[in-house]
């Protein structure tokens, strides 16, 4: 049987690295942005696909939320082609959209000249900014020729898949709505 001081020494050596490992893992989760575009190395046709998908998404949102009386507060920067097209379509349909920007120093804060239209008059999402609209977030990702779009409005999620074939993109199924 070991003396109690040796047991405590062994416990502190084992527990501290495990605790540090768990904390690092959680810190990694906090710093990874969970929303936006997760499409790496987009094809040259992705800008065209983004426009078509954003039109479809805006049409579905218009069926569920009345334009001209609904305001959306983006919860993350929309600095990709899909985000820019979505914001443009929502505004064309009559929605007020309060944009967000990536926090300063973030890898997503870098902005090229072609994305200037996206960042004109943006508002950074912070606790000091008072929001009065519905929260709006999106996730877009790809698996081969299948694109997956999820729109999150407050506690509701709208999801649809799109398939790219012959330089065109079309819905691959119906909208799924979860609350």
C-alpha atoms as a PDB file:
ATOM      1  CA  UNK A   1       0.000   0.000   0.000  1.00  0.00           C
ATOM      2  CA  UNK A   2       1.315   3.464  -0.926  1.00  0.00           C
ATOM      3  CA  UNK A   3       1.650   6.267   1.597  1.00  0.00           C
ATOM      4  CA  UNK A   4      -1.003   8.989   1.169  1.00  0.00           C
ATOM      5  CA  UNK A   5       1.542  11.647   0.105  1.00  0.00           C
ATOM      6  CA  UNK A   6       2.645   9.449  -2.841  1.00  0.00           C
ATOM      7  CA  UNK A   7      -1.002   8.914  -3.885  1.00  0.00           C
ATOM      8  CA  UNK A   8      -1.616  12.688  -3.843  1.00  0.00           C
ATOM      9  CA  UNK A   9       1.527  13.295  -5.898  1.00  0.00           C
ATOM     10  CA  UNK A  10       0.446  10.723  -8.496  1.00  0.00           C
ATOM     11  CA  UNK A  11      -3.076  12.172  -8.615  1.00  0.00           C
ATOM     12  CA  UNK A  12      -1.799  15.710  -9.193  1.00  0.00           C
ATOM     13  CA  UNK A  13       0.518  14.555 -11.986  1.00  0.00           C
ATOM     14  CA  UNK A  14      -2.324  12.706 -13.730  1.00  0.00           C
ATOM     15  CA  UNK A  15      -5.162  15.168 -13.088  1.00  0.00           C
ATOM     16  CA  UNK A  16      -3.406  18.406 -14.115  1.00  0.00           C
ATOM     17  CA  UNK A  17      -2.432  17.330 -17.658  1.00  0.00           C
ATOM     18  CA  UNK A  18      -5.904  15.914 -18.208  1.00  0.00           C
ATOM     19  CA  UNK A  19      -7.484  19.160 -16.981  1.00  0.00           C
ATOM     20  CA  UNK A  20      -5.185  21.251 -19.185  1.00  0.00           C
ATOM     21  CA  UNK A  21      -5.976  19.034 -22.180  1.00  0.00           C
ATOM     22  CA  UNK A  22      -9.715  19.422 -21.676  1.00  0.00           C
ATOM     23  CA  UNK A  23      -9.376  23.200 -21.312  1.00  0.00           C
ATOM     24  CA  UNK A  24      -7.335  23.453 -24.529  1.00  0.00           C
ATOM     25  CA  UNK A  25      -9.916  21.387 -26.366  1.00  0.00           C
ATOM     26  CA  UNK A  26     -12.717  23.638 -25.134  1.00  0.00           C
ATOM     27  CA  UNK A  27     -10.753  26.757 -26.043  1.00  0.00           C
ATOM     28  CA  UNK A  28     -10.363  25.404 -29.562  1.00  0.00           C
ATOM     29  CA  UNK A  29     -14.118  24.967 -29.831  1.00  0.00           C
ATOM     30  CA  UNK A  30     -14.743  28.519 -28.690  1.00  0.00           C
ATOM     31  CA  UNK A  31     -12.359  30.091 -31.188  1.00  0.00           C
ATOM     32  CA  UNK A  32     -13.627  28.134 -34.207  1.00  0.00           C
ATOM     33  CA  UNK A  33     -16.448  30.001 -35.918  1.00  0.00           C
ATOM     34  CA  UNK A  34     -19.401  27.599 -36.159  1.00  0.00           C
ATOM     35  CA  UNK A  35     -21.244  29.489 -38.914  1.00  0.00           C
ATOM     36  CA  UNK A  36     -20.574  30.659 -42.451  1.00  0.00           C
ATOM     37  CA  UNK A  37     -19.118  28.948 -45.488  1.00  0.00           C
ATOM     38  CA  UNK A  38     -17.064  25.806 -45.011  1.00  0.00           C
ATOM     39  CA  UNK A  39     -16.337  25.325 -48.694  1.00  0.00           C
ATOM     40  CA  UNK A  40     -12.619  25.007 -49.308  1.00  0.00           C
ATOM     41  CA  UNK A  41     -11.185  25.677 -52.761  1.00  0.00           C
ATOM     42  CA  UNK A  42     -14.502  26.631 -54.387  1.00  0.00           C
ATOM     43  CA  UNK A  43     -14.938  25.927 -58.078  1.00  0.00           C
ATOM     44  CA  UNK A  44     -15.082  28.846 -60.532  1.00  0.00           C
ATOM     45  CA  UNK A  45     -18.844  28.240 -60.809  1.00  0.00           C
ATOM     46  CA  UNK A  46     -19.376  28.659 -57.053  1.00  0.00           C
ATOM     47  CA  UNK A  47     -20.276  32.353 -57.372  1.00  0.00           C
ATOM     48  CA  UNK A  48     -23.034  31.396 -59.832  1.00  0.00           C
ATOM     49  CA  UNK A  49     -24.164  28.548 -57.561  1.00  0.00           C
ATOM     50  CA  UNK A  50     -24.200  30.902 -54.573  1.00  0.00           C
ATOM     51  CA  UNK A  51     -26.504  33.322 -56.361  1.00  0.00           C
ATOM     52  CA  UNK A  52     -28.964  30.562 -57.274  1.00  0.00           C
ATOM     53  CA  UNK A  53     -28.925  29.040 -53.782  1.00  0.00           C
ATOM     54  CA  UNK A  54     -29.323  32.466 -52.127  1.00  0.00           C
ATOM     55  CA  UNK A  55     -32.351  33.253 -54.318  1.00  0.00           C
ATOM     56  CA  UNK A  56     -33.949  29.969 -53.263  1.00  0.00           C
ATOM     57  CA  UNK A  57     -33.136  30.588 -49.580  1.00  0.00           C
ATOM     58  CA  UNK A  58     -34.537  34.140 -49.697  1.00  0.00           C
ATOM     59  CA  UNK A  59     -37.705  32.820 -51.349  1.00  0.00           C
ATOM     60  CA  UNK A  60     -38.189  30.276 -48.570  1.00  0.00           C
ATOM     61  CA  UNK A  61     -37.589  32.899 -45.902  1.00  0.00           C
ATOM     62  CA  UNK A  62     -40.194  35.143 -47.601  1.00  0.00           C
ATOM     63  CA  UNK A  63     -42.754  32.324 -47.333  1.00  0.00           C
ATOM     64  CA  UNK A  64     -42.207  32.117 -43.571  1.00  0.00           C
ATOM     65  CA  UNK A  65     -41.449  35.714 -42.504  1.00  0.00           C
ATOM     66  CA  UNK A  66     -43.213  38.799 -43.916  1.00  0.00           C
ATOM     67  CA  UNK A  67     -40.882  41.179 -45.794  1.00  0.00           C
ATOM     68  CA  UNK A  68     -40.937  44.889 -44.900  1.00  0.00           C
ATOM     69  CA  UNK A  69     -41.873  44.078 -41.308  1.00  0.00           C
ATOM     70  CA  UNK A  70     -39.092  41.626 -40.420  1.00  0.00           C
ATOM     71  CA  UNK A  71     -35.576  42.606 -39.421  1.00  0.00           C
ATOM     72  CA  UNK A  72     -32.641  40.194 -39.322  1.00  0.00           C
ATOM     73  CA  UNK A  73     -29.447  40.553 -37.286  1.00  0.00           C
ATOM     74  CA  UNK A  74     -26.555  38.605 -38.798  1.00  0.00           C
ATOM     75  CA  UNK A  75     -24.571  36.878 -36.078  1.00  0.00           C
ATOM     76  CA  UNK A  76     -21.405  36.377 -38.133  1.00  0.00           C
ATOM     77  CA  UNK A  77     -19.633  38.028 -41.050  1.00  0.00           C
ATOM     78  CA  UNK A  78     -21.053  37.097 -44.452  1.00  0.00           C
ATOM     79  CA  UNK A  79     -17.795  37.520 -46.361  1.00  0.00           C
ATOM     80  CA  UNK A  80     -18.239  34.674 -48.858  1.00  0.00           C
ATOM     81  CA  UNK A  81     -20.151  34.664 -52.188  1.00  0.00           C
ATOM     82  CA  UNK A  82     -23.185  32.905 -50.694  1.00  0.00           C
ATOM     83  CA  UNK A  83     -23.429  35.320 -47.759  1.00  0.00           C
ATOM     84  CA  UNK A  84     -23.147  38.364 -50.014  1.00  0.00           C
ATOM     85  CA  UNK A  85     -25.811  37.001 -52.381  1.00  0.00           C
ATOM     86  CA  UNK A  86     -28.112  36.107 -49.476  1.00  0.00           C
ATOM     87  CA  UNK A  87     -27.898  39.585 -47.935  1.00  0.00           C
ATOM     88  CA  UNK A  88     -28.521  41.185 -51.332  1.00  0.00           C
ATOM     89  CA  UNK A  89     -31.556  38.969 -52.009  1.00  0.00           C
ATOM     90  CA  UNK A  90     -33.048  39.583 -48.582  1.00  0.00           C
ATOM     91  CA  UNK A  91     -32.705  43.340 -48.994  1.00  0.00           C
ATOM     92  CA  UNK A  92     -34.213  43.215 -52.499  1.00  0.00           C
ATOM     93  CA  UNK A  93     -37.236  41.423 -51.028  1.00  0.00           C
ATOM     94  CA  UNK A  94     -37.685  44.172 -48.428  1.00  0.00           C
ATOM     95  CA  UNK A  95     -35.973  42.846 -45.314  1.00  0.00           C
ATOM     96  CA  UNK A  96     -33.843  45.004 -43.039  1.00  0.00           C
ATOM     97  CA  UNK A  97     -30.556  43.212 -42.382  1.00  0.00           C
ATOM     98  CA  UNK A  98     -28.077  44.335 -39.753  1.00  0.00           C
ATOM     99  CA  UNK A  99     -24.680  42.948 -40.799  1.00  0.00           C
ATOM    100  CA  UNK A 100     -21.909  41.644 -38.590  1.00  0.00           C
ATOM    101  CA  UNK A 101     -18.170  41.707 -39.119  1.00  0.00           C
ATOM    102  CA  UNK A 102     -15.464  39.362 -37.973  1.00  0.00           C
ATOM    103  CA  UNK A 103     -13.749  40.473 -34.752  1.00  0.00           C
ATOM    104  CA  UNK A 104     -10.525  42.432 -35.193  1.00  0.00           C
ATOM    105  CA  UNK A 105      -7.504  40.158 -35.281  1.00  0.00           C
ATOM    106  CA  UNK A 106      -9.569  37.191 -36.480  1.00  0.00           C
ATOM    107  CA  UNK A 107      -8.402  35.250 -39.510  1.00  0.00           C
ATOM    108  CA  UNK A 108     -11.826  36.039 -40.976  1.00  0.00           C
ATOM    109  CA  UNK A 109     -11.332  39.799 -40.586  1.00  0.00           C
ATOM    110  CA  UNK A 110      -9.059  39.992 -43.632  1.00  0.00           C
ATOM    111  CA  UNK A 111     -11.051  41.520 -46.443  1.00  0.00           C
ATOM    112  CA  UNK A 112     -10.049  41.851 -50.071  1.00  0.00           C
ATOM    113  CA  UNK A 113     -11.121  44.709 -52.314  1.00  0.00           C
ATOM    114  CA  UNK A 114     -13.691  42.522 -54.090  1.00  0.00           C
ATOM    115  CA  UNK A 115     -15.619  42.099 -50.830  1.00  0.00           C
ATOM    116  CA  UNK A 116     -15.933  45.845 -50.149  1.00  0.00           C
ATOM    117  CA  UNK A 117     -19.643  45.843 -50.908  1.00  0.00           C
ATOM    118  CA  UNK A 118     -20.167  43.327 -48.117  1.00  0.00           C
ATOM    119  CA  UNK A 119     -18.472  45.409 -45.449  1.00  0.00           C
ATOM    120  CA  UNK A 120     -19.902  48.859 -46.183  1.00  0.00           C
ATOM    121  CA  UNK A 121     -21.363  50.078 -42.875  1.00  0.00           C
ATOM    122  CA  UNK A 122     -21.104  46.762 -40.988  1.00  0.00           C
ATOM    123  CA  UNK A 123     -21.814  46.361 -37.293  1.00  0.00           C
ATOM    124  CA  UNK A 124     -19.639  44.104 -35.161  1.00  0.00           C
ATOM    125  CA  UNK A 125     -21.642  41.725 -33.006  1.00  0.00           C
ATOM    126  CA  UNK A 126     -20.825  42.547 -29.399  1.00  0.00           C
ATOM    127  CA  UNK A 127     -22.711  42.666 -26.147  1.00  0.00           C
ATOM    128  CA  UNK A 128     -22.786  46.467 -26.333  1.00  0.00           C
ATOM    129  CA  UNK A 129     -24.749  46.464 -29.622  1.00  0.00           C
ATOM    130  CA  UNK A 130     -28.488  46.335 -28.992  1.00  0.00           C
ATOM    131  CA  UNK A 131     -30.222  43.973 -31.395  1.00  0.00           C
ATOM    132  CA  UNK A 132     -33.937  44.073 -32.090  1.00  0.00           C
ATOM    133  CA  UNK A 133     -34.324  41.702 -35.030  1.00  0.00           C
ATOM    134  CA  UNK A 134     -34.383  37.960 -35.475  1.00  0.00           C
ATOM    135  CA  UNK A 135     -30.937  36.361 -35.288  1.00  0.00           C
ATOM    136  CA  UNK A 136     -29.759  35.041 -38.647  1.00  0.00           C
ATOM    137  CA  UNK A 137     -26.926  32.592 -39.261  1.00  0.00           C
ATOM    138  CA  UNK A 138     -26.067  30.201 -42.054  1.00  0.00           C
ATOM    139  CA  UNK A 139     -23.909  27.184 -42.710  1.00  0.00           C
ATOM    140  CA  UNK A 140     -22.966  26.090 -46.196  1.00  0.00           C
ATOM    141  CA  UNK A 141     -20.761  23.128 -46.995  1.00  0.00           C
ATOM    142  CA  UNK A 142     -20.103  20.701 -49.832  1.00  0.00           C
ATOM    143  CA  UNK A 143     -19.577  17.027 -50.418  1.00  0.00           C
ATOM    144  CA  UNK A 144     -18.561  16.319 -54.029  1.00  0.00           C
ATOM    145  CA  UNK A 145     -21.392  17.807 -56.140  1.00  0.00           C
ATOM    146  CA  UNK A 146     -23.842  18.117 -53.250  1.00  0.00           C
ATOM    147  CA  UNK A 147     -24.126  21.465 -51.447  1.00  0.00           C
ATOM    148  CA  UNK A 148     -25.826  21.634 -48.044  1.00  0.00           C
ATOM    149  CA  UNK A 149     -27.343  24.924 -46.826  1.00  0.00           C
ATOM    150  CA  UNK A 150     -28.709  25.504 -43.323  1.00  0.00           C
ATOM    151  CA  UNK A 151     -30.283  28.795 -42.326  1.00  0.00           C
ATOM    152  CA  UNK A 152     -30.796  29.417 -38.622  1.00  0.00           C
ATOM    153  CA  UNK A 153     -33.357  32.055 -37.659  1.00  0.00           C
ATOM    154  CA  UNK A 154     -33.603  32.408 -33.883  1.00  0.00           C
ATOM    155  CA  UNK A 155     -34.339  28.818 -32.734  1.00  0.00           C
ATOM    156  CA  UNK A 156     -35.559  27.580 -36.118  1.00  0.00           C
ATOM    157  CA  UNK A 157     -33.419  25.758 -38.699  1.00  0.00           C
ATOM    158  CA  UNK A 158     -34.175  25.557 -42.422  1.00  0.00           C
ATOM    159  CA  UNK A 159     -32.118  23.041 -44.383  1.00  0.00           C
ATOM    160  CA  UNK A 160     -31.914  22.097 -48.048  1.00  0.00           C
ATOM    161  CA  UNK A 161     -29.501  20.226 -50.260  1.00  0.00           C
ATOM    162  CA  UNK A 162     -28.543  21.357 -53.753  1.00  0.00           C
ATOM    163  CA  UNK A 163     -26.878  19.309 -56.472  1.00  0.00           C
ATOM    164  CA  UNK A 164     -24.474  20.708 -59.071  1.00  0.00           C
ATOM    165  CA  UNK A 165     -24.614  19.093 -62.510  1.00  0.00           C
ATOM    166  CA  UNK A 166     -23.533  20.366 -65.926  1.00  0.00           C
ATOM    167  CA  UNK A 167     -22.504  23.821 -64.638  1.00  0.00           C
ATOM    168  CA  UNK A 168     -25.980  24.296 -63.061  1.00  0.00           C
ATOM    169  CA  UNK A 169     -27.284  23.884 -59.524  1.00  0.00           C
ATOM    170  CA  UNK A 170     -30.748  22.724 -58.498  1.00  0.00           C
ATOM    171  CA  UNK A 171     -32.485  21.709 -55.281  1.00  0.00           C
ATOM    172  CA  UNK A 172     -31.894  18.058 -54.414  1.00  0.00           C
ATOM    173  CA  UNK A 173     -34.922  17.802 -52.146  1.00  0.00           C
ATOM    174  CA  UNK A 174     -37.501  19.706 -50.171  1.00  0.00           C
ATOM    175  CA  UNK A 175     -36.884  22.227 -47.405  1.00  0.00           C
ATOM    176  CA  UNK A 176     -36.624  20.720 -43.933  1.00  0.00           C
ATOM    177  CA  UNK A 177     -37.813  22.937 -41.084  1.00  0.00           C
ATOM    178  CA  UNK A 178     -36.864  22.178 -37.487  1.00  0.00           C
ATOM    179  CA  UNK A 179     -37.725  24.182 -34.414  1.00  0.00           C
END
